[in-house]
Amino acid sequence: MDQGGSNLQVLGVFALLSVLAVGGGAAVIPETKALVIDQHHWLTDDQFRDIYGLGQVVPGPNMLMVMVIGYHVTGFMGALLAYLGFFLPASLISWLASRVWDHFEGSPWRASLQRGLAPLVVGLMAAGAISIAKTAIDGAETVLIAIAVFLGVYFVKKVNPAILVLSGGAVGVALGLH
């Protein structure tokens, strides 16, 4: 369980990610991956991919995956500190920002700010998708599975996307890909 990290490091990493998560947790997936794999060596690429995948299919916010990472590093306390570090700063910033935001309702700069932030958020989310794809797609078979799941999610509106993702994973397991 202990992967060479301290509880204070876990808290610091996820508090930093919390304040960087403009547009939601998916926006910081590349930085999360860089910190927990490349910098701190808490997880391998495969472990990160698996934890991320689990976070996508279980009920609740997908960024609860930070608790799994924290637990992997220092146990229960790591899970708790990862949770608090990731969600508390962002919650406080959001609450304070909403107070200011409401105060300037009807202001022209507010609408401009919203329009200006939209491409940033889309770019950060795309970077997250690319970062995860780099760990999951490593051959022709996985490219075909990823394309099939994407097309299913995009075009088949009556099927829960989690079923399609799980189906893609099952095909990968059946083919012995990971």
Protein backbone atom coordinates (compact mmCIF):
# COMPACT_ATOMS: atom_id res chain seq x y z
CA MET A 1 0.00 0.00 0.00
CA ASP A 2 2.64 2.62 0.95
CA GLN A 3 4.22 3.71 -2.32
CA GLY A 4 6.79 6.09 -0.85
CA GLY A 5 4.44 9.03 -0.27
CA SER A 6 3.43 10.78 2.92
CA ASN A 7 0.00 11.93 3.95
CA LEU A 8 1.19 15.53 3.63
CA GLN A 9 2.33 14.88 0.04
CA VAL A 10 -1.03 13.33 -0.82
CA LEU A 11 -2.86 16.34 0.63
CA GLY A 12 -0.58 18.76 -1.21
CA VAL A 13 -0.87 17.06 -4.59
CA PHE A 14 -4.64 16.89 -4.53
CA ALA A 15 -5.08 20.40 -3.08
CA LEU A 16 -2.98 21.71 -5.98
CA LEU A 17 -5.03 19.75 -8.48
CA SER A 18 -8.19 21.09 -6.86
CA VAL A 19 -7.33 24.70 -7.59
CA LEU A 20 -6.21 23.84 -11.12
CA ALA A 21 -9.45 22.01 -11.97
CA VAL A 22 -11.05 24.79 -14.02
CA GLY A 23 -14.10 23.26 -15.66
CA GLY A 24 -14.14 20.11 -13.55
CA GLY A 25 -11.95 17.22 -12.57
CA ALA A 26 -11.49 15.94 -16.11
CA ALA A 27 -9.53 19.10 -16.86
CA VAL A 28 -6.70 18.02 -14.55
CA ILE A 29 -6.39 14.39 -15.64
CA PRO A 30 -3.11 15.03 -17.53
CA GLU A 31 -1.59 16.83 -14.53
CA THR A 32 -2.91 14.17 -12.15
CA LYS A 33 -1.25 11.53 -14.30
CA ALA A 34 2.01 13.50 -14.42
CA LEU A 35 2.09 13.98 -10.65
CA VAL A 36 1.11 10.51 -9.48
CA ILE A 37 3.01 8.53 -12.14
CA ASP A 38 5.94 10.60 -13.39
CA GLN A 39 6.80 12.78 -10.40
CA HIS A 40 5.86 10.78 -7.29
CA HIS A 41 5.84 7.27 -8.83
CA TRP A 42 2.78 6.30 -6.78
CA LEU A 43 1.13 4.43 -9.67
CA THR A 44 2.02 2.81 -12.97
CA ASP A 45 0.33 3.77 -16.25
CA ASP A 46 -1.78 0.60 -16.05
CA GLN A 47 -2.85 1.27 -12.45
CA PHE A 48 -3.79 4.86 -13.30
CA ARG A 49 -5.79 3.76 -16.33
CA ASP A 50 -7.62 1.14 -14.26
CA ILE A 51 -8.42 3.60 -11.45
CA TYR A 52 -9.60 6.18 -13.97
CA GLY A 53 -11.79 3.58 -15.69
CA LEU A 54 -13.27 2.55 -12.38
CA GLY A 55 -14.04 6.18 -11.60
CA GLN A 56 -15.97 6.45 -14.86
CA VAL A 57 -18.30 3.54 -14.25
CA VAL A 58 -19.08 3.70 -10.53
CA PRO A 59 -21.92 5.89 -9.29
CA GLY A 60 -21.07 9.37 -8.06
CA PRO A 61 -18.53 11.94 -9.16
CA ASN A 62 -15.86 10.36 -11.35
CA MET A 63 -13.11 12.23 -9.52
CA LEU A 64 -13.72 10.13 -6.41
CA MET A 65 -10.89 8.21 -8.03
CA VAL A 66 -8.56 10.48 -6.04
CA MET A 67 -9.58 8.54 -2.93
CA VAL A 68 -8.44 5.28 -4.53
CA ILE A 69 -5.11 6.88 -5.40
CA GLY A 70 -4.71 8.25 -1.86
CA TYR A 71 -5.58 4.87 -0.39
CA HIS A 72 -3.05 3.21 -2.66
CA VAL A 73 -0.35 5.57 -1.37
CA THR A 74 -0.92 5.70 2.41
CA GLY A 75 -4.07 3.78 3.25
CA PHE A 76 -7.27 5.13 4.79
CA MET A 77 -5.74 8.44 5.84
CA GLY A 78 -4.41 8.95 2.31
CA ALA A 79 -7.89 8.35 0.91
CA LEU A 80 -9.40 10.87 3.33
CA LEU A 81 -6.74 13.50 2.68
CA ALA A 82 -6.94 13.03 -1.09
CA TYR A 83 -10.71 13.53 -0.87
CA LEU A 84 -10.44 16.63 1.33
CA GLY A 85 -7.54 18.03 -0.66
CA PHE A 86 -9.30 17.63 -3.98
CA PHE A 87 -12.82 18.70 -3.07
CA LEU A 88 -12.54 21.23 -0.22
CA PRO A 89 -10.42 23.96 -1.88
CA ALA A 90 -12.47 23.84 -5.11
CA SER A 91 -15.70 23.94 -3.11
CA LEU A 92 -14.58 26.99 -1.15
CA ILE A 93 -13.35 28.77 -4.28
CA SER A 94 -16.61 27.96 -6.07
CA TRP A 95 -18.69 29.24 -3.18
CA LEU A 96 -16.72 32.49 -2.99
CA ALA A 97 -16.76 32.93 -6.77
CA SER A 98 -20.54 32.37 -6.89
CA ARG A 99 -20.99 35.16 -4.36
CA VAL A 100 -18.97 37.54 -6.55
CA TRP A 101 -20.59 36.18 -9.73
CA ASP A 102 -24.09 36.86 -8.43
CA HIS A 103 -23.06 40.37 -7.40
CA PHE A 104 -22.12 41.22 -11.00
CA GLU A 105 -25.21 39.74 -12.64
CA GLY A 106 -25.99 41.65 -15.84
CA SER A 107 -22.46 43.01 -16.19
CA PRO A 108 -21.03 42.81 -19.72
CA TRP A 109 -17.66 41.49 -18.48
CA ARG A 110 -19.42 38.50 -16.92
CA ALA A 111 -20.74 37.28 -20.29
CA SER A 112 -17.34 37.94 -21.90
CA LEU A 113 -15.59 35.94 -19.20
CA GLN A 114 -17.97 33.01 -19.73
CA ARG A 115 -17.36 33.03 -23.50
CA GLY A 116 -13.61 33.31 -22.96
CA LEU A 117 -13.42 30.40 -20.53
CA ALA A 118 -15.41 27.98 -22.70
CA PRO A 119 -12.56 27.15 -25.13
CA LEU A 120 -10.16 26.77 -22.22
CA VAL A 121 -12.40 24.21 -20.54
CA VAL A 122 -12.92 22.30 -23.79
CA GLY A 123 -9.16 22.23 -24.38
CA LEU A 124 -8.45 20.99 -20.87
CA MET A 125 -11.02 18.23 -21.22
CA ALA A 126 -9.57 17.21 -24.58
CA ALA A 127 -6.10 17.08 -23.02
CA GLY A 128 -7.52 14.75 -20.36
CA ALA A 129 -9.01 12.45 -22.97
CA ILE A 130 -5.73 12.38 -24.90
CA SER A 131 -3.76 11.64 -21.73
CA ILE A 132 -5.95 8.66 -20.86
CA ALA A 133 -5.93 7.46 -24.48
CA LYS A 134 -2.13 7.36 -24.43
CA THR A 135 -2.21 4.85 -21.57
CA ALA A 136 -5.07 2.75 -22.95
CA ILE A 137 -4.49 2.70 -26.71
CA ASP A 138 -1.36 0.80 -27.64
CA GLY A 139 -2.10 -1.15 -30.80
CA ALA A 140 -4.47 -1.67 -33.70
CA GLU A 141 -6.92 -3.72 -31.60
CA THR A 142 -7.24 -1.06 -28.89
CA VAL A 143 -7.63 1.66 -31.55
CA LEU A 144 -10.54 -0.28 -33.07
CA ILE A 145 -12.14 -0.82 -29.64
CA ALA A 146 -11.77 2.89 -28.80
CA ILE A 147 -13.32 3.93 -32.12
CA ALA A 148 -16.21 1.49 -31.67
CA VAL A 149 -16.93 2.72 -28.14
CA PHE A 150 -16.71 6.36 -29.24
CA LEU A 151 -19.09 5.79 -32.15
CA GLY A 152 -21.47 3.90 -29.87
CA VAL A 153 -21.46 6.68 -27.28
CA TYR A 154 -21.84 9.35 -29.95
CA PHE A 155 -24.54 7.76 -32.12
CA VAL A 156 -26.44 5.30 -29.90
CA LYS A 157 -28.36 7.53 -27.52
CA LYS A 158 -30.53 4.84 -25.89
CA VAL A 159 -27.65 2.85 -24.40
CA ASN A 160 -25.93 3.88 -21.20
CA PRO A 161 -22.34 4.90 -22.08
CA ALA A 162 -21.05 2.88 -19.10
CA ILE A 163 -22.38 -0.29 -20.80
CA LEU A 164 -20.42 0.57 -23.94
CA VAL A 165 -17.23 1.29 -21.98
CA LEU A 166 -17.60 -1.96 -20.03
CA SER A 167 -18.26 -3.82 -23.28
CA GLY A 168 -15.09 -2.36 -24.77
CA GLY A 169 -13.18 -3.48 -21.68
CA ALA A 170 -14.68 -6.97 -21.92
CA VAL A 171 -13.62 -7.24 -25.56
CA GLY A 172 -10.11 -6.15 -24.57
CA VAL A 173 -9.97 -8.79 -21.83
CA ALA A 174 -11.36 -11.44 -24.18
CA LEU A 175 -8.64 -10.58 -26.70
CA GLY A 176 -6.03 -10.70 -23.91
CA LEU A 177 -4.94 -7.10 -24.46
CA HIS A 178 -4.20 -6.13 -20.83
